[in-house]
N, C-alpha and C. Protein backbone atom coordinates (compact mmCIF):
# COMPACT_ATOMS: atom_id res chain seq x y z
N UNK A 1 -62.03 -59.80 45.58
CA UNK A 1 -62.08 -58.90 44.46
C UNK A 1 -60.75 -58.19 44.37
N UNK A 2 -60.26 -57.99 43.17
CA UNK A 2 -59.01 -57.30 42.97
C UNK A 2 -59.20 -55.80 42.97
N UNK A 3 -58.19 -55.10 43.50
CA UNK A 3 -58.23 -53.65 43.50
C UNK A 3 -58.02 -53.15 42.08
N UNK A 4 -58.54 -51.98 41.80
CA UNK A 4 -58.38 -51.38 40.48
C UNK A 4 -59.60 -50.56 40.16
N UNK A 5 -59.68 -50.12 38.94
CA UNK A 5 -60.79 -49.27 38.55
C UNK A 5 -61.59 -49.94 37.44
N UNK A 6 -62.92 -49.85 37.56
CA UNK A 6 -63.83 -50.38 36.54
C UNK A 6 -64.82 -49.27 36.21
N UNK A 7 -65.49 -49.41 35.11
CA UNK A 7 -66.51 -48.44 34.74
C UNK A 7 -67.86 -49.15 34.75
N UNK A 8 -68.82 -48.52 35.40
CA UNK A 8 -70.17 -49.08 35.48
C UNK A 8 -71.10 -48.16 34.72
N UNK A 9 -71.92 -48.71 33.85
CA UNK A 9 -72.88 -47.94 33.08
C UNK A 9 -74.28 -48.35 33.52
N UNK A 10 -75.11 -47.38 33.82
CA UNK A 10 -76.47 -47.67 34.29
C UNK A 10 -77.46 -46.74 33.59
N UNK A 11 -78.66 -47.22 33.41
CA UNK A 11 -79.71 -46.37 32.86
C UNK A 11 -80.98 -46.59 33.68
N UNK A 12 -81.88 -45.62 33.61
CA UNK A 12 -83.12 -45.69 34.39
C UNK A 12 -84.04 -46.76 33.84
N UNK A 13 -84.14 -46.82 32.54
CA UNK A 13 -85.06 -47.76 31.90
C UNK A 13 -84.52 -48.05 30.52
N UNK A 14 -84.64 -49.25 30.07
CA UNK A 14 -84.11 -49.63 28.76
C UNK A 14 -84.81 -48.89 27.62
N UNK A 15 -86.01 -48.37 27.84
CA UNK A 15 -86.72 -47.66 26.79
C UNK A 15 -86.24 -46.21 26.63
N UNK A 16 -85.44 -45.71 27.59
CA UNK A 16 -84.91 -44.35 27.47
C UNK A 16 -83.79 -44.32 26.45
N UNK A 17 -83.60 -43.20 25.79
CA UNK A 17 -82.52 -43.10 24.81
C UNK A 17 -81.14 -43.15 25.50
N UNK A 18 -80.08 -43.44 24.74
CA UNK A 18 -78.73 -43.58 25.30
C UNK A 18 -78.25 -42.35 26.06
N UNK A 19 -78.78 -41.14 25.72
CA UNK A 19 -78.31 -39.96 26.45
C UNK A 19 -78.75 -39.95 27.91
N UNK A 20 -79.69 -40.83 28.28
CA UNK A 20 -80.08 -40.94 29.69
C UNK A 20 -79.24 -42.00 30.43
N UNK A 21 -78.26 -42.54 29.76
CA UNK A 21 -77.36 -43.52 30.35
C UNK A 21 -76.15 -42.78 30.92
N UNK A 22 -75.77 -43.11 32.12
CA UNK A 22 -74.63 -42.47 32.77
C UNK A 22 -73.57 -43.52 33.09
N UNK A 23 -72.34 -43.13 32.92
CA UNK A 23 -71.21 -43.99 33.27
C UNK A 23 -70.40 -43.30 34.36
N UNK A 24 -69.89 -44.07 35.26
CA UNK A 24 -69.06 -43.51 36.34
C UNK A 24 -67.99 -44.53 36.71
N UNK A 25 -66.77 -44.04 36.99
CA UNK A 25 -65.73 -44.97 37.44
C UNK A 25 -65.97 -45.39 38.88
N UNK A 26 -65.63 -46.62 39.16
CA UNK A 26 -65.74 -47.16 40.50
C UNK A 26 -64.38 -47.76 40.83
N UNK A 27 -63.78 -47.32 41.91
CA UNK A 27 -62.45 -47.78 42.28
C UNK A 27 -62.55 -48.72 43.48
N UNK A 28 -61.94 -49.89 43.33
CA UNK A 28 -61.85 -50.85 44.42
C UNK A 28 -60.47 -50.69 45.05
N UNK A 29 -60.42 -50.38 46.31
CA UNK A 29 -59.16 -50.20 47.02
C UNK A 29 -58.72 -51.53 47.63
N UNK A 30 -57.40 -51.71 47.79
CA UNK A 30 -56.94 -52.93 48.46
C UNK A 30 -57.53 -53.02 49.86
N UNK A 31 -57.61 -54.23 50.38
CA UNK A 31 -58.14 -54.47 51.72
C UNK A 31 -57.09 -54.23 52.79
N UNK A 32 -57.18 -54.97 53.87
CA UNK A 32 -56.27 -54.82 55.00
C UNK A 32 -54.87 -55.29 54.59
N UNK A 33 -53.85 -54.44 54.79
CA UNK A 33 -52.49 -54.82 54.36
C UNK A 33 -51.85 -55.84 55.29
N UNK A 34 -50.98 -56.66 54.71
CA UNK A 34 -50.16 -57.61 55.48
C UNK A 34 -48.73 -57.53 54.96
N UNK A 35 -47.78 -57.55 55.87
CA UNK A 35 -46.36 -57.51 55.54
C UNK A 35 -45.80 -58.91 55.69
N UNK A 36 -45.12 -59.40 54.66
CA UNK A 36 -44.52 -60.74 54.73
C UNK A 36 -43.06 -60.70 54.28
N UNK A 37 -42.29 -61.65 54.78
CA UNK A 37 -40.91 -61.87 54.37
C UNK A 37 -40.78 -63.31 53.90
N UNK A 38 -40.11 -63.52 52.79
CA UNK A 38 -39.87 -64.87 52.28
C UNK A 38 -38.42 -64.96 51.81
N UNK A 39 -37.85 -66.15 51.91
CA UNK A 39 -36.46 -66.36 51.51
C UNK A 39 -36.37 -67.41 50.41
N UNK A 40 -35.40 -67.24 49.53
CA UNK A 40 -35.16 -68.24 48.49
C UNK A 40 -34.63 -69.53 49.10
N UNK A 41 -34.11 -69.45 50.33
CA UNK A 41 -33.61 -70.63 51.04
C UNK A 41 -33.70 -70.39 52.53
N UNK A 42 -34.21 -71.38 53.27
CA UNK A 42 -34.29 -71.26 54.73
C UNK A 42 -32.96 -71.62 55.39
N UNK A 43 -32.10 -72.32 54.65
CA UNK A 43 -30.78 -72.70 55.14
C UNK A 43 -29.74 -72.04 54.23
N UNK A 44 -28.82 -71.30 54.85
CA UNK A 44 -27.83 -70.55 54.08
C UNK A 44 -26.43 -70.88 54.59
N UNK A 45 -25.57 -71.32 53.68
CA UNK A 45 -24.17 -71.56 54.03
C UNK A 45 -23.44 -70.22 54.12
N UNK A 46 -22.38 -70.19 54.93
CA UNK A 46 -21.67 -68.94 55.17
C UNK A 46 -21.15 -68.27 53.90
N UNK A 47 -20.74 -69.01 52.90
CA UNK A 47 -20.18 -68.39 51.70
C UNK A 47 -21.24 -68.16 50.62
N UNK A 48 -22.50 -68.42 50.93
CA UNK A 48 -23.58 -68.23 49.97
C UNK A 48 -24.42 -67.02 50.36
N UNK A 49 -25.47 -66.75 49.59
CA UNK A 49 -26.40 -65.69 49.96
C UNK A 49 -27.81 -66.18 49.66
N UNK A 50 -28.79 -65.38 50.05
CA UNK A 50 -30.20 -65.74 49.82
C UNK A 50 -30.96 -64.49 49.38
N UNK A 51 -31.97 -64.69 48.56
CA UNK A 51 -32.84 -63.59 48.13
C UNK A 51 -34.00 -63.49 49.12
N UNK A 52 -34.19 -62.30 49.67
CA UNK A 52 -35.27 -62.05 50.62
C UNK A 52 -36.31 -61.18 49.94
N UNK A 53 -37.55 -61.65 49.89
CA UNK A 53 -38.62 -60.88 49.27
C UNK A 53 -39.51 -60.31 50.36
N UNK A 54 -39.63 -58.99 50.33
CA UNK A 54 -40.53 -58.26 51.22
C UNK A 54 -41.79 -58.00 50.41
N UNK A 55 -42.96 -58.24 50.98
CA UNK A 55 -44.21 -57.99 50.25
C UNK A 55 -45.23 -57.35 51.18
N UNK A 56 -45.96 -56.37 50.64
CA UNK A 56 -47.11 -55.79 51.33
C UNK A 56 -48.29 -55.94 50.39
N UNK A 57 -49.22 -56.82 50.78
CA UNK A 57 -50.39 -57.12 49.95
C UNK A 57 -51.59 -57.35 50.86
N UNK A 58 -52.79 -57.29 50.28
CA UNK A 58 -53.99 -57.62 51.06
C UNK A 58 -54.30 -59.10 50.92
N UNK A 59 -55.38 -59.55 51.52
CA UNK A 59 -55.75 -60.96 51.50
C UNK A 59 -56.04 -61.51 50.12
N UNK A 60 -56.33 -60.63 49.15
CA UNK A 60 -56.58 -61.07 47.77
C UNK A 60 -55.36 -60.93 46.89
N UNK A 61 -54.22 -60.56 47.48
CA UNK A 61 -52.99 -60.41 46.70
C UNK A 61 -52.84 -59.05 46.05
N UNK A 62 -53.70 -58.09 46.38
CA UNK A 62 -53.58 -56.75 45.82
C UNK A 62 -52.38 -56.05 46.46
N UNK A 63 -51.49 -55.48 45.65
CA UNK A 63 -50.27 -54.88 46.18
C UNK A 63 -50.47 -53.49 46.77
N UNK A 64 -49.60 -53.16 47.70
CA UNK A 64 -49.48 -51.80 48.23
C UNK A 64 -48.15 -51.27 47.71
N UNK A 65 -48.20 -50.50 46.63
CA UNK A 65 -47.00 -49.98 46.00
C UNK A 65 -46.46 -48.76 46.73
N UNK A 66 -45.16 -48.52 46.54
CA UNK A 66 -44.49 -47.32 47.04
C UNK A 66 -44.60 -47.14 48.56
N UNK A 67 -44.49 -48.25 49.28
CA UNK A 67 -44.53 -48.21 50.74
C UNK A 67 -43.12 -48.38 51.30
N UNK A 68 -42.76 -47.57 52.28
CA UNK A 68 -41.45 -47.69 52.91
C UNK A 68 -41.46 -48.80 53.96
N UNK A 69 -40.40 -49.60 53.92
CA UNK A 69 -40.23 -50.71 54.86
C UNK A 69 -38.83 -50.62 55.44
N UNK A 70 -38.72 -50.69 56.76
CA UNK A 70 -37.42 -50.74 57.42
C UNK A 70 -37.13 -52.20 57.73
N UNK A 71 -35.95 -52.65 57.29
CA UNK A 71 -35.57 -54.05 57.45
C UNK A 71 -34.22 -54.09 58.15
N UNK A 72 -34.08 -55.02 59.10
CA UNK A 72 -32.80 -55.18 59.77
C UNK A 72 -32.52 -56.65 60.03
N UNK A 73 -31.24 -56.97 60.13
CA UNK A 73 -30.82 -58.35 60.38
C UNK A 73 -29.83 -58.34 61.53
N UNK A 74 -29.91 -59.37 62.39
CA UNK A 74 -29.02 -59.41 63.55
C UNK A 74 -27.66 -60.06 63.26
N UNK A 75 -27.57 -60.87 62.23
CA UNK A 75 -26.31 -61.53 61.84
C UNK A 75 -26.15 -61.40 60.34
N UNK A 76 -25.03 -60.84 59.88
CA UNK A 76 -24.81 -60.68 58.45
C UNK A 76 -25.28 -59.31 57.99
N UNK A 77 -25.62 -59.21 56.69
CA UNK A 77 -26.03 -57.92 56.14
C UNK A 77 -27.03 -58.12 55.01
N UNK A 78 -27.68 -57.01 54.65
CA UNK A 78 -28.67 -56.98 53.59
C UNK A 78 -28.21 -56.00 52.51
N UNK A 79 -28.54 -56.30 51.26
CA UNK A 79 -28.17 -55.41 50.16
C UNK A 79 -29.37 -55.17 49.26
N UNK A 80 -29.51 -53.92 48.80
CA UNK A 80 -30.62 -53.58 47.91
C UNK A 80 -30.15 -53.22 46.50
N UNK A 81 -28.91 -53.53 46.17
CA UNK A 81 -28.39 -53.22 44.84
C UNK A 81 -27.42 -52.06 44.87
N UNK A 82 -27.61 -51.12 45.80
CA UNK A 82 -26.70 -49.99 45.92
C UNK A 82 -26.09 -49.87 47.31
N UNK A 83 -26.79 -50.40 48.31
CA UNK A 83 -26.32 -50.30 49.69
C UNK A 83 -26.23 -51.67 50.33
N UNK A 84 -25.25 -51.83 51.23
CA UNK A 84 -25.10 -53.05 52.02
C UNK A 84 -25.01 -52.61 53.48
N UNK A 85 -25.91 -53.12 54.33
CA UNK A 85 -25.93 -52.72 55.73
C UNK A 85 -26.73 -53.73 56.55
N UNK A 86 -26.67 -53.60 57.87
CA UNK A 86 -27.49 -54.44 58.74
C UNK A 86 -28.92 -53.91 58.83
N UNK A 87 -29.12 -52.64 58.48
CA UNK A 87 -30.45 -52.04 58.51
C UNK A 87 -30.63 -51.16 57.28
N UNK A 88 -31.75 -51.35 56.58
CA UNK A 88 -32.06 -50.58 55.38
C UNK A 88 -33.51 -50.13 55.41
N UNK A 89 -33.79 -48.99 54.81
CA UNK A 89 -35.16 -48.58 54.55
C UNK A 89 -35.33 -48.62 53.04
N UNK A 90 -36.30 -49.41 52.58
CA UNK A 90 -36.52 -49.62 51.15
C UNK A 90 -37.97 -49.30 50.80
N UNK A 91 -38.26 -49.24 49.50
CA UNK A 91 -39.61 -48.92 49.03
C UNK A 91 -40.12 -50.04 48.15
N UNK A 92 -41.37 -50.45 48.37
CA UNK A 92 -41.96 -51.51 47.55
C UNK A 92 -42.21 -51.01 46.13
N UNK A 93 -42.18 -51.93 45.16
CA UNK A 93 -42.42 -51.60 43.76
C UNK A 93 -43.93 -51.64 43.45
N UNK A 94 -44.28 -51.57 42.17
CA UNK A 94 -45.70 -51.59 41.78
C UNK A 94 -46.41 -52.88 42.15
N UNK A 95 -45.64 -53.95 42.37
CA UNK A 95 -46.22 -55.23 42.79
C UNK A 95 -46.28 -55.36 44.31
N UNK A 96 -45.93 -54.27 45.02
CA UNK A 96 -45.94 -54.31 46.48
C UNK A 96 -44.78 -55.10 47.05
N UNK A 97 -43.70 -55.26 46.28
CA UNK A 97 -42.57 -56.10 46.69
C UNK A 97 -41.24 -55.37 46.59
N UNK A 98 -40.28 -55.87 47.31
CA UNK A 98 -38.89 -55.44 47.20
C UNK A 98 -38.03 -56.65 47.49
N UNK A 99 -37.06 -56.93 46.63
CA UNK A 99 -36.17 -58.07 46.81
C UNK A 99 -34.81 -57.56 47.27
N UNK A 100 -34.31 -58.16 48.35
CA UNK A 100 -32.99 -57.85 48.89
C UNK A 100 -32.13 -59.11 48.84
N UNK A 101 -30.83 -58.91 48.95
CA UNK A 101 -29.91 -60.05 49.07
C UNK A 101 -29.40 -60.10 50.49
N UNK A 102 -29.47 -61.29 51.09
CA UNK A 102 -28.92 -61.51 52.43
C UNK A 102 -27.55 -62.14 52.30
N UNK A 103 -26.56 -61.54 53.01
CA UNK A 103 -25.21 -62.08 53.08
C UNK A 103 -24.93 -62.49 54.52
N UNK A 104 -24.61 -63.77 54.76
CA UNK A 104 -24.35 -64.23 56.12
C UNK A 104 -23.04 -63.64 56.66
N UNK A 105 -22.84 -63.73 57.98
CA UNK A 105 -21.58 -63.25 58.56
C UNK A 105 -20.42 -64.16 58.14
N UNK A 106 -19.21 -63.70 58.39
CA UNK A 106 -18.04 -64.50 58.01
C UNK A 106 -17.82 -65.69 58.94
N UNK A 107 -18.27 -65.57 60.17
CA UNK A 107 -18.14 -66.68 61.11
C UNK A 107 -19.53 -67.09 61.60
N UNK A 108 -19.66 -68.34 61.91
CA UNK A 108 -20.94 -68.91 62.32
C UNK A 108 -21.28 -68.44 63.74
N UNK A 109 -22.44 -67.78 63.93
CA UNK A 109 -22.82 -67.38 65.29
C UNK A 109 -23.15 -68.61 66.13
N UNK A 110 -23.11 -68.44 67.44
CA UNK A 110 -23.33 -69.56 68.35
C UNK A 110 -24.69 -70.22 68.15
N UNK A 111 -25.73 -69.43 67.91
CA UNK A 111 -27.07 -70.03 67.73
C UNK A 111 -27.33 -70.50 66.30
N UNK A 112 -26.38 -70.24 65.41
CA UNK A 112 -26.47 -70.67 64.00
C UNK A 112 -27.73 -70.16 63.31
N UNK A 113 -28.14 -68.95 63.68
CA UNK A 113 -29.34 -68.36 63.08
C UNK A 113 -29.12 -66.89 62.77
N UNK A 114 -29.90 -66.40 61.82
CA UNK A 114 -29.99 -64.97 61.54
C UNK A 114 -31.48 -64.63 61.49
N UNK A 115 -31.85 -63.56 62.16
CA UNK A 115 -33.24 -63.14 62.18
C UNK A 115 -33.37 -61.81 61.46
N UNK A 116 -34.30 -61.77 60.51
CA UNK A 116 -34.58 -60.56 59.75
C UNK A 116 -35.92 -60.02 60.23
N UNK A 117 -35.95 -58.74 60.59
CA UNK A 117 -37.17 -58.08 61.03
C UNK A 117 -37.53 -56.98 60.04
N UNK A 118 -38.82 -56.84 59.77
CA UNK A 118 -39.31 -55.78 58.87
C UNK A 118 -40.44 -55.05 59.55
N UNK A 119 -40.50 -53.74 59.30
CA UNK A 119 -41.55 -52.92 59.89
C UNK A 119 -41.98 -51.87 58.87
N UNK A 120 -43.30 -51.65 58.79
CA UNK A 120 -43.86 -50.64 57.89
C UNK A 120 -45.14 -50.09 58.51
N UNK A 121 -45.51 -48.90 58.09
CA UNK A 121 -46.80 -48.33 58.48
C UNK A 121 -47.57 -48.05 57.19
N UNK A 122 -48.72 -48.71 57.05
CA UNK A 122 -49.55 -48.58 55.84
C UNK A 122 -50.96 -48.23 56.29
N UNK A 123 -51.50 -47.16 55.74
CA UNK A 123 -52.86 -46.71 56.10
C UNK A 123 -53.03 -46.61 57.61
N UNK A 124 -52.02 -46.03 58.26
CA UNK A 124 -52.01 -45.83 59.72
C UNK A 124 -52.01 -47.14 60.51
N UNK A 125 -51.63 -48.24 59.88
CA UNK A 125 -51.51 -49.53 60.56
C UNK A 125 -50.04 -49.91 60.64
N UNK A 126 -49.59 -50.25 61.83
CA UNK A 126 -48.22 -50.69 62.01
C UNK A 126 -48.14 -52.17 61.66
N UNK A 127 -47.25 -52.51 60.73
CA UNK A 127 -47.08 -53.89 60.27
C UNK A 127 -45.69 -54.39 60.64
N UNK A 128 -45.60 -55.64 61.06
CA UNK A 128 -44.32 -56.25 61.42
C UNK A 128 -44.26 -57.66 60.85
N UNK A 129 -43.05 -58.06 60.49
CA UNK A 129 -42.82 -59.43 60.01
C UNK A 129 -41.41 -59.84 60.42
N UNK A 130 -41.22 -61.14 60.60
CA UNK A 130 -39.88 -61.65 60.92
C UNK A 130 -39.64 -62.94 60.16
N UNK A 131 -38.37 -63.21 59.95
CA UNK A 131 -37.95 -64.42 59.23
C UNK A 131 -36.64 -64.88 59.87
N UNK A 132 -36.57 -66.17 60.22
CA UNK A 132 -35.35 -66.73 60.79
C UNK A 132 -34.73 -67.69 59.80
N UNK A 133 -33.46 -67.46 59.52
CA UNK A 133 -32.70 -68.33 58.61
C UNK A 133 -31.74 -69.19 59.42
N UNK A 134 -31.58 -70.43 59.00
CA UNK A 134 -30.61 -71.32 59.64
C UNK A 134 -29.29 -71.16 58.90
N UNK A 135 -28.23 -70.87 59.63
CA UNK A 135 -26.92 -70.68 59.03
C UNK A 135 -26.10 -71.97 59.16
N UNK A 136 -25.47 -72.33 58.07
CA UNK A 136 -24.67 -73.57 58.03
C UNK A 136 -23.22 -73.23 57.76
N UNK A 137 -22.29 -74.03 58.29
CA UNK A 137 -20.88 -73.78 57.98
C UNK A 137 -20.62 -73.99 56.50
N UNK A 138 -19.53 -73.44 56.03
CA UNK A 138 -19.13 -73.62 54.63
C UNK A 138 -18.69 -75.04 54.37
N UNK A 139 -18.32 -75.34 53.15
CA UNK A 139 -17.88 -76.71 52.83
C UNK A 139 -16.58 -77.04 53.54
N UNK A 140 -16.39 -78.31 53.79
CA UNK A 140 -15.19 -78.79 54.45
C UNK A 140 -14.05 -78.76 53.43
N UNK A 141 -12.93 -78.24 53.84
CA UNK A 141 -11.77 -78.26 52.94
C UNK A 141 -10.76 -79.29 53.51
N UNK A 142 -10.14 -79.98 52.62
CA UNK A 142 -9.18 -81.01 53.01
C UNK A 142 -7.78 -80.57 52.67
N UNK A 143 -6.88 -80.83 53.57
CA UNK A 143 -5.47 -80.53 53.34
C UNK A 143 -4.71 -81.84 53.42
N UNK A 144 -3.90 -82.10 52.43
CA UNK A 144 -3.09 -83.32 52.43
C UNK A 144 -1.68 -82.97 52.88
N UNK A 145 -1.23 -83.67 53.88
CA UNK A 145 0.13 -83.49 54.38
C UNK A 145 0.90 -84.76 54.11
N UNK A 146 2.14 -84.59 53.71
CA UNK A 146 3.03 -85.73 53.50
C UNK A 146 4.26 -85.58 54.37
N UNK A 147 4.61 -86.66 55.01
CA UNK A 147 5.84 -86.64 55.80
C UNK A 147 6.99 -87.10 54.91
N UNK A 148 8.11 -86.46 55.05
CA UNK A 148 9.30 -86.85 54.26
C UNK A 148 10.24 -87.65 55.08
């Protein structure tokens, strides 16, 4: 069931007049929250970037809006449109999401990976998620030399 508000109208008996009918709002709250990280690409070349989507939703896809999430990366940096850093605290939108841009480091790390970690606390529950990206070298450049 999706979270949101509905109105339920009930009456004691169909033979009673409409003034004996009562309406009341009923609000369905999202279920147990889950924090996820997704990337536009699992393999990222050094001169490219990737879009990282942070999401906090329940099992039915109901969003948790306006939640703070701390995100950090061990190689490279993250950007939220105004800031670029290895660690950011961001807030989910009305869809329970926040999109960041991942920028790889200038040189290829020995393990050729970058790990992004996210942490949030929602309804007194500590949530964690991780995402590992494979880093690839940039394109090969060729230099032509001529001997005279």
